[in-house]
Amino acid sequence: MDLSFLFVEGNHYSYNKYKVTSKRGGLMLKNELTTLLKIEYPIIQAPMAGGVTTTELVVASSKHGGLGMVGAGYMSGDQLKSQLKEIQKKTKSFGVNLFVPNEFLVNKTEVNDAKEILHLFHESLLIKEETTTLPTTETMANNFREQIQVIIEARVPVCSFTFGVPKESMIKKLKQNGIIIIGTATTVDEAIEIERLGMDIVVVQGSEAGGHRGNFINETEESMIGLMSLIPQVVDHVTIPVIAAGGIMDGRGLVAAFALGAKAVQMGTAFLTTKESGAHNVHKEEILQRKEDETILTRSFSGKYARGIKNEFIQRMKEHEDSFPQFPIQNTLTQLIRKAASKENDKECMSLWSGQSPRIAKKQTVQQLMEHTITEAENVLNKLDVRL
């Protein structure tokens, strides 16, 4: 098996037929993607929206050799601008991820029915009834345009997209401003479309991934391809670099993804449990205590299928979830429930997003995660019968 593409030639390494060793004690997996993104290691910290990607997490991820990413999907333009100012005081290497808005309709009957069902949790969490301002296609589109303008004005080096693809005119504008563009795909057809539109890199997201996934051509059921099946099929059909995402937690996953043709990995759950992550402590502890068969797909929280740890809310809402409004309407309707649950440390009503590899999650710093991942990748390669 020829894995020579994994190794850096030069003074850093000595290797023979069976062993790969580093004089620095750390494996450097260099390729065109790491060069393009100007990062030491091919590791991307996943852009998890909702407050997880704190300035501390993004900066630490970049500082220790990877690429830190801001999950800006739910941010206003002003909120994004504020965090970018904080980040840019500490690092110039980072990226921002945005949700591509899609058209949706507000069905009043559907909304009222959902409110009635959710009222049970309002009572148990002692939530005072408040008027909820529902988003519209127009407000979401306007916010997206504001976010794009902030990114251009702040000269953000990398911008990634999920839930869809931006218009070609917007892609052209970003590229004219020197911004590297990354799309998210869950199928080969989606990856092909991302390349056709002129994006620079594609993240292929397997069904193992935690939280929401980026399908935009196929429905959820048709886009549930496992990562190890998805990587080589995408690699065979696109020429742009591929980043592998979904269930990857350590050096073993990194080596496996590279063997199948990926040029980098994107890890979410692994970073979510780090010290620098902004995830609620209850969320972190739940992941650290759970098994691989305790995550489930649900659309009860947001109206879009997402993978998270099974709890009382998900179980009780399962019979109703097909009738709930689509994203982002349902996401808005459950906002007060999630906020109150977080305040009360109530794990049964929180959206505890997690990938399918929680047993591998660790309580550690970003630096420890990065070092362990690279060291383990090196150890895995040393154990293989690598024929150069």
Protein backbone atom coordinates (compact mmCIF):
# COMPACT_ATOMS: atom_id res chain seq x y z
CA MET A 1 0.00 0.00 0.00
CA ASP A 2 1.61 3.26 -1.11
CA LEU A 3 0.98 6.00 1.43
CA SER A 4 3.91 8.15 0.40
CA PHE A 5 1.51 11.04 -0.29
CA LEU A 6 1.09 11.40 3.46
CA PHE A 7 4.67 12.29 4.16
CA VAL A 8 6.73 15.42 3.90
CA GLU A 9 10.04 15.00 2.14
CA GLY A 10 13.02 16.77 3.60
CA ASN A 11 14.83 17.13 6.86
CA HIS A 12 11.83 16.56 9.09
CA TYR A 13 11.50 12.85 8.40
CA SER A 14 13.39 9.61 8.01
CA TYR A 15 11.48 6.53 6.92
CA ASN A 16 12.03 3.08 5.51
CA LYS A 17 9.86 0.30 4.18
CA TYR A 18 7.98 -0.18 7.44
CA LYS A 19 8.51 2.89 9.64
CA VAL A 20 7.80 6.58 9.47
CA THR A 21 9.41 8.71 12.16
CA SER A 22 9.58 12.43 12.73
CA LYS A 23 12.53 14.24 14.22
CA ARG A 24 10.10 16.78 15.65
CA GLY A 25 7.81 14.13 17.11
CA GLY A 26 4.84 15.36 15.10
CA LEU A 27 3.52 14.27 11.72
CA MET A 28 3.08 17.06 9.17
CA LEU A 29 0.63 16.13 6.45
CA LYS A 30 1.32 18.77 3.83
CA ASN A 31 -0.51 19.11 0.53
CA GLU A 32 -2.05 21.70 -1.76
CA LEU A 33 -4.91 22.32 0.67
CA THR A 34 -2.71 23.09 3.67
CA THR A 35 -0.70 25.38 1.41
CA LEU A 36 -3.84 27.13 0.15
CA LEU A 37 -5.24 27.61 3.66
CA LYS A 38 -1.79 28.43 5.10
CA ILE A 39 -2.11 25.92 7.94
CA GLU A 40 0.42 23.54 9.45
CA TYR A 41 -1.89 20.55 9.88
CA PRO A 42 -4.83 19.43 7.70
CA ILE A 43 -7.34 19.84 10.53
CA ILE A 44 -10.33 22.17 10.38
CA GLN A 45 -12.28 23.03 13.52
CA ALA A 46 -15.90 22.64 12.44
CA PRO A 47 -17.96 25.86 12.40
CA MET A 48 -20.65 24.99 14.96
CA ALA A 49 -23.31 27.71 15.17
CA GLY A 50 -25.11 28.80 18.31
CA GLY A 51 -22.25 30.05 20.47
CA VAL A 52 -19.92 27.02 20.43
CA THR A 53 -17.23 28.66 18.30
CA THR A 54 -16.03 31.25 20.78
CA THR A 55 -13.15 33.56 19.97
CA GLU A 56 -11.02 31.41 22.28
CA LEU A 57 -11.86 28.22 20.36
CA VAL A 58 -11.26 29.73 16.93
CA VAL A 59 -7.96 31.36 17.94
CA ALA A 60 -6.66 28.26 19.74
CA SER A 61 -7.51 26.03 16.77
CA SER A 62 -5.53 28.28 14.41
CA LYS A 63 -2.72 28.94 16.89
CA HIS A 64 -2.04 25.21 17.26
CA GLY A 65 -1.77 24.45 13.57
CA GLY A 66 -5.31 23.99 12.29
CA LEU A 67 -7.94 26.34 10.91
CA GLY A 68 -10.40 27.87 13.36
CA MET A 69 -13.88 28.54 11.98
CA VAL A 70 -16.63 30.84 13.26
CA GLY A 71 -20.10 29.29 13.09
CA ALA A 72 -21.97 32.47 12.14
CA GLY A 73 -25.20 30.92 10.90
CA TYR A 74 -27.40 32.52 13.57
CA MET A 75 -25.48 35.79 13.90
CA SER A 76 -26.54 39.21 12.76
CA GLY A 77 -24.11 41.27 10.75
CA ASP A 78 -23.24 43.37 13.83
CA GLN A 79 -22.66 40.31 16.00
CA LEU A 80 -20.35 38.81 13.39
CA LYS A 81 -18.47 42.09 13.00
CA SER A 82 -17.91 42.24 16.76
CA GLN A 83 -16.47 38.72 16.99
CA LEU A 84 -14.26 39.23 13.94
CA LYS A 85 -12.68 42.27 15.58
CA GLU A 86 -11.85 40.14 18.65
CA ILE A 87 -10.41 37.31 16.57
CA GLN A 88 -8.31 39.55 14.33
CA LYS A 89 -6.54 41.00 17.36
CA LYS A 90 -5.15 37.51 18.01
CA THR A 91 -4.86 35.74 14.64
CA LYS A 92 -5.17 36.36 10.91
CA SER A 93 -5.75 32.68 10.09
CA PHE A 94 -9.41 31.69 10.43
CA GLY A 95 -12.64 31.32 8.52
CA VAL A 96 -16.37 32.00 8.79
CA ASN A 97 -19.25 29.68 7.96
CA LEU A 98 -22.68 30.91 6.85
CA PHE A 99 -26.06 29.27 6.33
CA VAL A 100 -27.32 29.79 2.79
CA PRO A 101 -30.94 30.97 3.14
CA ASN A 102 -33.66 29.08 1.32
CA GLU A 103 -37.20 30.08 0.52
CA PHE A 104 -39.83 28.96 3.01
CA LEU A 105 -43.47 29.70 3.79
CA VAL A 106 -45.02 30.51 7.15
CA ASN A 107 -48.13 28.37 7.53
CA LYS A 108 -50.14 29.89 10.40
CA THR A 109 -52.09 26.71 11.10
CA GLU A 110 -48.88 24.68 11.21
CA VAL A 111 -47.26 27.23 13.51
CA ASN A 112 -50.23 27.34 15.89
CA ASP A 113 -50.40 23.55 16.06
CA ALA A 114 -46.68 23.41 16.87
CA LYS A 115 -47.06 26.06 19.58
CA GLU A 116 -49.83 24.05 21.20
CA ILE A 117 -47.70 20.91 21.27
CA LEU A 118 -44.66 22.79 22.60
CA HIS A 119 -46.70 24.53 25.30
CA LEU A 120 -46.28 21.46 27.51
CA PHE A 121 -42.57 22.22 27.80
CA HIS A 122 -43.25 25.91 28.38
CA GLU A 123 -45.22 24.91 31.45
CA SER A 124 -42.65 22.47 32.83
CA LEU A 125 -39.82 24.99 32.34
CA LEU A 126 -41.91 27.87 33.76
CA ILE A 127 -41.54 29.88 30.58
CA LYS A 128 -43.56 33.08 30.51
CA GLU A 129 -45.43 33.47 27.26
CA GLU A 130 -43.68 35.89 24.95
CA THR A 131 -44.49 37.10 21.49
CA THR A 132 -42.27 35.27 19.03
CA THR A 133 -41.18 37.12 15.91
CA LEU A 134 -40.98 34.57 13.15
CA PRO A 135 -38.34 34.93 10.43
CA THR A 136 -39.30 35.40 6.80
CA THR A 137 -37.49 34.54 3.59
CA GLU A 138 -36.80 38.25 3.11
CA THR A 139 -35.33 38.84 6.58
CA MET A 140 -33.09 35.78 6.28
CA ALA A 141 -31.87 36.86 2.83
CA ASN A 142 -31.16 40.39 4.04
CA ASN A 143 -29.17 39.11 7.01
CA PHE A 144 -27.18 36.82 4.72
CA ARG A 145 -26.25 39.76 2.50
CA GLU A 146 -25.18 41.75 5.57
CA GLN A 147 -23.00 38.86 6.75
CA ILE A 148 -21.33 38.64 3.33
CA GLN A 149 -20.61 42.37 3.36
CA VAL A 150 -19.07 42.11 6.84
CA ILE A 151 -16.84 39.25 5.67
CA ILE A 152 -15.65 41.21 2.66
CA GLU A 153 -15.01 44.40 4.64
CA ALA A 154 -13.15 42.49 7.37
CA ARG A 155 -11.05 40.69 4.74
CA VAL A 156 -11.82 37.28 6.19
CA PRO A 157 -9.47 34.82 4.43
CA VAL A 158 -11.85 31.83 4.26
CA CYS A 159 -15.63 31.60 3.93
CA SER A 160 -17.59 28.34 3.93
CA PHE A 161 -21.26 27.66 3.24
CA THR A 162 -23.77 25.06 4.32
CA PHE A 163 -27.49 24.34 3.68
CA GLY A 164 -26.96 25.32 0.07
CA VAL A 165 -24.77 27.28 -2.33
CA PRO A 166 -24.66 31.05 -2.88
CA LYS A 167 -25.37 32.61 -6.24
CA GLU A 168 -22.56 32.65 -8.78
CA SER A 169 -22.44 36.45 -8.63
CA MET A 170 -21.79 36.29 -4.89
CA ILE A 171 -19.11 33.63 -5.32
CA LYS A 172 -17.43 35.80 -7.94
CA LYS A 173 -17.54 38.83 -5.65
CA LEU A 174 -15.95 36.90 -2.76
CA LYS A 175 -13.19 35.55 -5.00
CA GLN A 176 -12.50 39.02 -6.37
CA ASN A 177 -11.81 40.01 -2.78
CA GLY A 178 -9.30 37.20 -2.34
CA ILE A 179 -11.52 35.00 -0.17
CA ILE A 180 -11.14 31.22 -0.35
CA ILE A 181 -14.57 29.61 -0.69
CA ILE A 182 -15.63 26.24 0.70
CA GLY A 183 -18.90 24.44 0.00
CA THR A 184 -20.55 21.60 1.94
CA ALA A 185 -21.82 18.44 0.21
CA THR A 186 -23.50 15.25 1.39
CA THR A 187 -23.59 13.55 -2.03
CA VAL A 188 -21.44 13.37 -5.15
CA ASP A 189 -23.93 15.48 -7.13
CA GLU A 190 -23.74 18.24 -4.52
CA ALA A 191 -19.93 18.16 -4.64
CA ILE A 192 -20.00 18.38 -8.45
CA GLU A 193 -22.30 21.41 -8.25
CA ILE A 194 -19.98 23.11 -5.74
CA GLU A 195 -17.04 22.68 -8.11
CA ARG A 196 -19.09 23.83 -11.12
CA LEU A 197 -19.93 27.07 -9.34
CA GLY A 198 -16.23 27.82 -8.90
CA MET A 199 -15.72 27.13 -5.22
CA ASP A 200 -12.18 26.25 -4.15
CA ILE A 201 -12.74 23.35 -1.72
CA VAL A 202 -15.55 20.97 -0.78
CA VAL A 203 -16.35 19.57 2.66
CA VAL A 204 -17.94 16.13 2.24
CA GLN A 205 -20.15 15.49 5.24
CA GLY A 206 -21.02 11.91 6.10
CA SER A 207 -24.16 10.76 7.89
CA GLU A 208 -22.12 10.29 11.08
CA ALA A 209 -21.86 14.06 11.57
CA GLY A 210 -23.37 15.77 14.58
CA GLY A 211 -25.86 18.61 14.34
CA HIS A 212 -27.30 19.75 11.02
CA ARG A 213 -25.89 18.53 7.73
CA GLY A 214 -25.45 20.49 4.52
CA ASN A 215 -27.68 18.67 2.03
CA PHE A 216 -29.19 20.97 -0.59
CA ILE A 217 -29.99 18.86 -3.68
CA ASN A 218 -31.19 15.65 -2.11
CA GLU A 219 -33.58 15.19 0.78
CA THR A 220 -32.23 13.89 4.09
CA GLU A 221 -33.16 10.27 3.36
CA GLU A 222 -31.24 10.26 0.06
CA SER A 223 -28.18 12.00 1.48
CA MET A 224 -27.42 9.66 4.39
CA ILE A 225 -24.19 8.29 2.92
CA GLY A 226 -21.50 7.24 5.38
CA LEU A 227 -18.26 9.19 5.19
CA MET A 228 -16.01 6.28 4.25
CA SER A 229 -18.27 5.56 1.25
CA LEU A 230 -18.66 9.20 0.34
CA ILE A 231 -15.02 10.33 0.27
CA PRO A 232 -13.68 8.14 -2.58
CA GLN A 233 -16.79 8.63 -4.71
CA VAL A 234 -16.49 12.42 -4.44
CA VAL A 235 -12.72 12.32 -5.01
CA ASP A 236 -13.33 10.39 -8.24
CA HIS A 237 -15.70 13.06 -9.56
CA VAL A 238 -14.21 16.42 -8.60
CA THR A 239 -10.78 17.99 -8.99
CA ILE A 240 -10.93 20.47 -6.09
CA PRO A 241 -9.53 19.38 -2.69
CA VAL A 242 -11.84 17.38 -0.44
CA ILE A 243 -12.21 17.87 3.33
CA ALA A 244 -13.73 14.90 5.18
CA ALA A 245 -16.28 15.51 7.96
CA GLY A 246 -18.47 13.27 10.08
CA GLY A 247 -17.47 11.13 13.04
CA ILE A 248 -13.74 11.91 12.80
CA MET A 249 -12.29 12.39 16.28
CA ASP A 250 -8.61 11.49 16.21
CA GLY A 251 -5.51 10.51 14.24
CA ARG A 252 -6.99 7.20 13.15
CA GLY A 253 -9.84 8.97 11.41
CA LEU A 254 -7.41 11.42 9.84
CA VAL A 255 -5.28 8.64 8.34
CA ALA A 256 -8.36 6.77 7.11
CA ALA A 257 -9.72 9.90 5.41
CA PHE A 258 -6.36 10.57 3.73
CA ALA A 259 -6.10 6.99 2.50
CA LEU A 260 -9.43 7.49 0.71
CA GLY A 261 -8.34 10.70 -0.98
CA ALA A 262 -9.25 13.54 1.39
CA LYS A 263 -6.76 16.38 1.84
CA ALA A 264 -7.93 17.42 5.32
CA VAL A 265 -10.48 16.58 7.99
CA GLN A 266 -13.07 18.74 9.70
CA MET A 267 -13.86 17.80 13.30
CA GLY A 268 -16.81 19.10 15.29
CA THR A 269 -17.70 16.97 18.30
CA ALA A 270 -13.99 16.52 19.14
CA PHE A 271 -13.62 20.31 19.45
CA LEU A 272 -17.00 20.78 21.14
CA THR A 273 -15.79 19.10 24.34
CA THR A 274 -12.58 21.14 24.57
CA LYS A 275 -12.00 23.70 27.30
CA GLU A 276 -12.18 26.61 24.84
CA SER A 277 -15.53 25.56 23.36
CA GLY A 278 -18.57 27.67 24.20
CA ALA A 279 -20.85 24.64 24.50
CA HIS A 280 -22.83 24.37 27.74
CA ASN A 281 -21.04 22.26 30.36
CA VAL A 282 -24.05 19.93 30.49
CA HIS A 283 -23.73 19.43 26.74
CA LYS A 284 -20.03 18.61 27.05
CA GLU A 285 -20.57 16.16 29.91
CA GLU A 286 -23.40 14.39 28.10
CA ILE A 287 -21.17 13.72 25.09
CA LEU A 288 -18.37 12.47 27.34
CA GLN A 289 -20.74 9.99 28.99
CA ARG A 290 -22.63 8.69 25.95
CA LYS A 291 -22.23 5.70 23.64
CA GLU A 292 -22.34 5.46 19.84
CA ASP A 293 -25.91 4.13 19.82
CA GLU A 294 -27.32 7.04 21.83
CA THR A 295 -27.42 9.65 19.09
CA ILE A 296 -30.46 10.08 16.88
CA LEU A 297 -31.70 12.18 13.97
CA THR A 298 -34.46 14.62 14.86
CA ARG A 299 -36.17 17.63 13.32
CA SER A 300 -38.13 18.46 16.48
CA PHE A 301 -35.79 21.23 17.61
CA SER A 302 -35.22 23.10 14.37
CA GLY A 303 -37.41 21.76 11.57
CA LYS A 304 -34.33 20.36 9.82
CA TYR A 305 -32.90 16.94 10.60
CA ALA A 306 -29.90 17.06 12.94
CA ARG A 307 -28.01 14.43 14.92
CA GLY A 308 -27.95 14.72 18.68
CA ILE A 309 -28.11 12.81 21.95
CA LYS A 310 -31.50 11.28 22.57
CA ASN A 311 -33.37 12.93 25.44
CA GLU A 312 -36.91 13.43 26.73
CA PHE A 313 -37.76 16.28 24.34
CA ILE A 314 -36.75 14.28 21.28
CA GLN A 315 -38.56 11.16 22.45
CA ARG A 316 -41.81 12.95 23.34
CA MET A 317 -41.81 15.01 20.15
CA LYS A 318 -41.01 12.12 17.81
CA GLU A 319 -44.65 11.40 17.02
CA HIS A 320 -45.19 15.06 16.10
CA GLU A 321 -41.96 15.96 14.29
CA ASP A 322 -43.27 15.26 10.78
CA SER A 323 -45.92 17.94 11.29
CA PHE A 324 -43.60 20.63 12.65
CA PRO A 325 -42.78 23.67 10.48
CA GLN A 326 -39.58 23.63 8.46
CA PHE A 327 -36.31 25.36 9.38
CA PRO A 328 -35.95 28.13 10.50
CA ILE A 329 -39.54 28.44 11.75
CA GLN A 330 -39.44 25.49 14.15
CA ASN A 331 -36.00 26.59 15.33
CA THR A 332 -37.51 29.92 16.36
CA LEU A 333 -40.48 28.26 18.07
CA THR A 334 -38.25 26.11 20.29
CA GLN A 335 -35.80 28.90 21.09
CA LEU A 336 -37.34 29.76 24.47
CA ILE A 337 -37.40 26.08 25.46
CA ARG A 338 -33.73 25.60 24.65
CA LYS A 339 -32.78 28.84 26.39
CA ALA A 340 -34.69 27.99 29.57
CA ALA A 341 -33.34 24.44 29.61
CA SER A 342 -29.78 25.73 29.36
CA LYS A 343 -30.38 28.14 32.22
CA GLU A 344 -31.76 25.35 34.39
CA ASN A 345 -29.09 22.80 33.34
CA ASP A 346 -31.92 20.61 32.08
CA LYS A 347 -30.34 18.08 29.72
CA GLU A 348 -33.74 16.62 28.81
CA CYS A 349 -34.82 19.73 26.90
CA MET A 350 -31.51 20.89 25.41
CA SER A 351 -30.38 20.29 21.84
CA LEU A 352 -27.32 18.16 22.58
CA TRP A 353 -25.80 17.89 19.10
CA SER A 354 -23.21 15.14 18.72
CA GLY A 355 -21.65 12.97 16.04
CA GLN A 356 -21.64 9.18 16.18
CA SER A 357 -18.30 8.83 17.97
CA PRO A 358 -18.94 10.18 21.49
CA ARG A 359 -16.91 7.39 23.14
CA ILE A 360 -13.77 8.93 21.61
CA ALA A 361 -14.50 12.45 22.90
CA LYS A 362 -12.17 13.76 25.60
CA LYS A 363 -12.13 16.58 28.12
CA GLN A 364 -9.04 18.47 26.98
CA THR A 365 -7.67 21.71 25.59
CA VAL A 366 -7.46 22.46 21.89
CA GLN A 367 -3.69 22.16 22.07
CA GLN A 368 -3.97 18.66 23.55
CA LEU A 369 -6.50 17.64 20.91
CA MET A 370 -4.27 18.82 18.07
CA GLU A 371 -1.14 17.22 19.50
CA HIS A 372 -2.88 13.92 20.26
CA THR A 373 -4.40 13.77 16.78
CA ILE A 374 -1.12 14.33 14.95
CA THR A 375 0.85 12.02 17.25
CA GLU A 376 -1.74 9.28 16.87
CA ALA A 377 -1.73 9.66 13.10
CA GLU A 378 2.01 9.17 13.14
CA ASN A 379 1.71 6.11 15.40
CA VAL A 380 -0.95 4.56 13.17
CA LEU A 381 1.25 4.97 10.12
CA ASN A 382 4.22 3.46 11.94
CA LYS A 383 2.15 0.35 12.69
CA LEU A 384 1.14 -0.10 9.06
CA ASP A 385 3.16 -2.08 6.55
CA VAL A 386 3.88 0.98 4.48
CA ARG A 387 5.60 0.01 1.25
CA LEU A 388 7.30 3.00 -0.28
